[in-house]
Amino acid sequence: MPEVLTTVTMTVNGQRVARSIEPRVLLVHFLREELGLTGTHVGCDTSQCGACTVLLDGEAVKACTVLAVQAHGATVTTIEGLEGTRLHPVQEGFWAKHGLQCGFCTPGAMMTAAYLLSQNPHPSEAEIREGLDGVVCRCTGYETIVRAVQHAAALMSEVSETSGAEDVD
């Protein structure tokens, strides 16, 4: 039986991409194998660990539960796209507050934290813990991850205060 392919087009980390793929390809495998974006990790393949979290049209999703064809026409941001000309505040927070150890869950935790802060720029500790509920980390005990997100929120607040002050002048 001939292989059935479908063409998907999406914007990944600001770049428009199009590929012909089998309709059953998961987004996580599309990102890693078709695009070479290996920062999105494959952990459990059952949506339990959160290591594969990416932003799909601004929403945090576990890429092991989304078919690539479902992302057709969408905008996807991976850990590689989080950084701009400098580290994203979430990346800076994880670095400054030691929010990683082995690094396996880190991309998913960072993407989840970025989503959380986009929705709630000043989360409480309880809100951070609830927001990160879908990310399993077996190394840090979460304390340093929570501190990293708090640090990122403070950095983002400083940036918005600074840019707001510039806009007033």
Protein backbone atom coordinates (compact mmCIF):
# COMPACT_ATOMS: atom_id res chain seq x y z
CA MET A 1 0.00 0.00 0.00
CA PRO A 2 1.45 3.41 -0.91
CA GLU A 3 2.47 5.77 1.88
CA VAL A 4 -0.06 8.55 2.39
CA LEU A 5 1.48 11.95 3.01
CA THR A 6 -0.07 15.27 3.87
CA THR A 7 1.56 18.68 3.78
CA VAL A 8 1.65 20.70 6.97
CA THR A 9 2.65 24.32 7.16
CA MET A 10 3.25 26.16 10.40
CA THR A 11 5.39 28.87 11.91
CA VAL A 12 7.95 27.42 14.31
CA ASN A 13 10.03 29.83 16.35
CA GLY A 14 9.26 32.60 13.90
CA GLN A 15 10.15 30.59 10.78
CA ARG A 16 7.53 29.36 8.32
CA VAL A 17 8.02 25.64 7.62
CA ALA A 18 6.25 23.18 5.34
CA ARG A 19 6.80 19.45 5.19
CA SER A 20 5.06 16.42 3.69
CA ILE A 21 4.52 13.93 6.50
CA GLU A 22 2.44 10.93 7.47
CA PRO A 23 -0.76 12.14 9.15
CA ARG A 24 0.00 10.12 12.31
CA VAL A 25 3.26 11.95 13.13
CA LEU A 26 3.17 13.53 16.57
CA LEU A 27 4.18 17.18 16.91
CA VAL A 28 7.07 16.25 19.20
CA HIS A 29 8.51 13.92 16.53
CA PHE A 30 7.89 16.49 13.79
CA LEU A 31 9.85 19.09 15.76
CA ARG A 32 12.71 16.76 16.64
CA GLU A 33 13.02 14.63 13.49
CA GLU A 34 11.75 16.85 10.69
CA LEU A 35 13.07 20.17 11.98
CA GLY A 36 16.01 19.06 14.14
CA LEU A 37 14.71 20.97 17.19
CA THR A 38 15.86 18.53 19.84
CA GLY A 39 15.30 20.84 22.79
CA THR A 40 11.76 19.51 23.08
CA HIS A 41 12.29 16.26 24.95
CA VAL A 42 10.41 13.00 24.63
CA GLY A 43 9.85 11.64 28.09
CA CYS A 44 6.95 9.33 28.71
CA ASP A 45 5.02 9.54 25.41
CA THR A 46 1.83 9.48 27.50
CA SER A 47 1.47 13.19 28.45
CA GLN A 48 2.34 12.48 32.08
CA CYS A 49 5.78 14.10 32.40
CA GLY A 50 5.51 17.44 30.57
CA ALA A 51 9.04 17.30 29.11
CA CYS A 52 7.62 17.86 25.62
CA THR A 53 5.65 21.03 26.44
CA VAL A 54 5.63 23.68 23.71
CA LEU A 55 3.44 26.69 23.01
CA LEU A 56 0.85 26.16 20.28
CA ASP A 57 -0.74 29.48 19.33
CA GLY A 58 0.34 30.72 22.75
CA GLU A 59 -1.17 27.83 24.72
CA ALA A 60 0.99 25.31 26.57
CA VAL A 61 0.48 21.83 25.10
CA LYS A 62 2.22 18.52 25.49
CA ALA A 63 3.60 17.86 22.01
CA CYS A 64 3.36 14.09 22.51
CA THR A 65 -0.44 14.41 22.50
CA VAL A 66 -0.79 16.63 19.43
CA LEU A 67 -0.55 15.41 15.87
CA ALA A 68 1.59 17.61 13.64
CA VAL A 69 -1.38 17.98 11.27
CA GLN A 70 -3.33 19.54 14.15
CA ALA A 71 -0.71 22.31 14.21
CA HIS A 72 -1.22 23.08 10.51
CA GLY A 73 -1.44 26.86 10.14
CA ALA A 74 -0.49 27.43 13.77
CA THR A 75 2.40 29.13 15.51
CA VAL A 76 4.62 26.86 17.60
CA THR A 77 7.25 28.05 20.06
CA THR A 78 9.79 25.57 21.39
CA ILE A 79 12.53 26.07 23.95
CA GLU A 80 14.82 27.08 21.08
CA GLY A 81 12.44 29.91 20.22
CA LEU A 82 12.05 31.21 23.77
CA GLU A 83 15.36 33.04 23.64
CA GLY A 84 15.61 36.26 21.64
CA THR A 85 18.72 38.42 21.49
CA ARG A 86 19.27 37.61 25.16
CA LEU A 87 18.03 34.95 27.54
CA HIS A 88 14.31 34.97 28.20
CA PRO A 89 13.58 35.87 31.86
CA VAL A 90 12.44 32.28 32.47
CA GLN A 91 15.77 30.95 31.18
CA GLU A 92 17.59 33.53 33.27
CA GLY A 93 15.57 32.52 36.33
CA PHE A 94 16.37 28.83 35.89
CA TRP A 95 20.06 29.70 35.54
CA ALA A 96 20.20 32.14 38.46
CA LYS A 97 18.16 30.03 40.88
CA HIS A 98 19.47 26.60 39.86
CA GLY A 99 16.08 25.43 38.59
CA LEU A 100 17.57 22.46 36.79
CA GLN A 101 19.75 19.51 37.54
CA CYS A 102 19.81 16.76 34.94
CA GLY A 103 18.01 19.04 32.49
CA PHE A 104 15.61 16.49 31.10
CA CYS A 105 12.40 18.19 32.26
CA THR A 106 13.87 21.69 31.96
CA PRO A 107 12.60 22.60 28.46
CA GLY A 108 9.06 21.56 29.36
CA ALA A 109 9.25 23.30 32.74
CA MET A 110 10.52 26.49 31.11
CA MET A 111 7.82 26.47 28.44
CA THR A 112 5.16 25.81 31.07
CA ALA A 113 6.55 28.65 33.21
CA ALA A 114 6.62 31.01 30.22
CA TYR A 115 2.97 30.20 29.56
CA LEU A 116 2.05 30.65 33.22
CA LEU A 117 3.75 34.07 33.34
CA SER A 118 2.07 35.15 30.11
CA GLN A 119 -1.27 34.46 31.79
CA ASN A 120 -0.38 35.58 35.31
CA PRO A 121 2.62 37.93 35.52
CA HIS A 122 2.60 37.95 39.35
CA PRO A 123 1.73 34.42 40.49
CA SER A 124 1.82 33.38 44.12
CA GLU A 125 3.90 30.39 45.13
CA ALA A 126 0.74 28.26 45.19
CA GLU A 127 -0.20 29.43 41.69
CA ILE A 128 3.29 28.59 40.42
CA ARG A 129 3.09 25.12 41.93
CA GLU A 130 -0.35 24.58 40.42
CA GLY A 131 0.80 25.94 37.04
CA LEU A 132 3.76 23.53 36.99
CA ASP A 133 1.62 20.60 38.10
CA GLY A 134 1.93 18.84 34.71
CA VAL A 135 5.75 18.81 34.77
CA VAL A 136 7.46 15.91 36.51
CA CYS A 137 10.96 16.57 37.85
CA ARG A 138 12.73 13.79 39.66
CA CYS A 139 15.85 15.78 40.55
CA THR A 140 15.11 19.20 42.02
CA GLY A 141 12.22 18.67 44.41
CA TYR A 142 10.59 21.71 42.74
CA GLU A 143 11.86 24.27 45.28
CA THR A 144 14.47 25.66 42.92
CA ILE A 145 12.04 25.58 39.99
CA VAL A 146 9.51 27.62 41.98
CA ARG A 147 12.25 30.10 42.94
CA ALA A 148 13.30 30.26 39.27
CA VAL A 149 9.76 31.17 38.19
CA GLN A 150 9.50 33.76 40.97
CA HIS A 151 12.80 35.25 39.79
CA ALA A 152 11.57 35.30 36.18
CA ALA A 153 8.35 37.04 37.25
CA ALA A 154 10.39 39.71 39.05
CA LEU A 155 12.62 40.18 36.00
CA MET A 156 9.62 40.47 33.71
CA SER A 157 8.04 42.98 36.08
CA GLU A 158 11.24 45.08 36.05
CA VAL A 159 11.28 45.02 32.24
CA SER A 160 7.63 46.07 31.98
CA GLU A 161 8.15 48.86 34.55
CA THR A 162 11.21 50.07 32.63
CA SER A 163 9.48 49.95 29.26
CA GLY A 164 6.40 51.61 30.76
CA ALA A 165 8.56 54.42 32.12
CA GLU A 166 10.13 54.90 28.69
CA ASP A 167 6.71 55.11 27.08
CA VAL A 168 5.67 57.93 29.42
CA ASP A 169 8.52 60.26 28.37
